[in-house]
Protein backbone atom coordinates (compact mmCIF):
# COMPACT_ATOMS: atom_id res chain seq x y z
CA MET A 1 -12.90 91.70 -80.80
CA ASN A 2 -11.40 88.55 -79.37
CA TYR A 3 -12.56 86.79 -76.24
CA LEU A 4 -10.26 88.61 -73.75
CA GLU A 5 -11.19 91.94 -75.05
CA HIS A 6 -14.89 91.06 -74.87
CA LEU A 7 -14.47 89.84 -71.36
CA LYS A 8 -12.65 92.90 -70.31
CA ALA A 9 -15.53 95.11 -71.78
CA ASN A 10 -18.11 92.92 -70.10
CA TRP A 11 -16.36 93.47 -66.83
CA ARG A 12 -15.92 97.27 -67.31
CA VAL A 13 -19.82 97.38 -67.92
CA ALA A 14 -20.46 95.26 -64.90
CA LEU A 15 -18.41 97.43 -62.59
CA HIS A 16 -20.03 100.51 -63.98
CA GLY A 17 -23.47 99.10 -63.18
CA LEU A 18 -22.33 98.22 -59.58
CA ASN A 19 -20.92 101.80 -59.19
CA ASP A 20 -24.35 103.09 -60.53
CA PHE A 21 -26.06 100.95 -57.98
CA ALA A 22 -23.93 102.10 -55.07
CA GLU A 23 -24.51 105.78 -55.95
CA HIS A 24 -28.22 105.23 -56.21
CA PHE A 25 -28.32 103.30 -53.05
CA LEU A 26 -26.51 106.05 -51.21
CA HIS A 27 -28.63 108.69 -52.77
CA GLY A 28 -31.83 106.95 -51.44
CA LEU A 29 -30.23 106.89 -47.98
CA LEU A 30 -28.72 110.40 -48.01
CA PRO A 31 -30.32 112.63 -50.72
CA CYS A 32 -27.46 115.08 -50.46
CA VAL A 33 -25.10 112.57 -52.01
CA LYS A 34 -25.38 112.92 -55.93
CA GLY A 35 -23.87 110.83 -58.69
CA ASP A 36 -22.43 112.16 -61.98
CA HIS A 37 -24.44 109.68 -64.23
CA THR A 38 -21.62 109.10 -66.64
CA GLN A 39 -21.54 106.22 -69.49
CA PRO A 40 -18.59 103.94 -69.71
CA LYS A 41 -16.20 104.87 -72.50
CA LYS A 42 -16.39 102.71 -75.63
CA GLY A 43 -13.40 101.04 -76.93
CA GLY A 44 -11.29 100.97 -73.76
């Protein structure tokens, strides 16, 4: 894995974490909002 592929993978994981945070935050405010709890795909 070269540098750019690694950087792209890191950003994908970071954005997935940010999305999880947003879903859990909304669920805390409005319990009727549910997330799907998926994992990011490996290998792009």
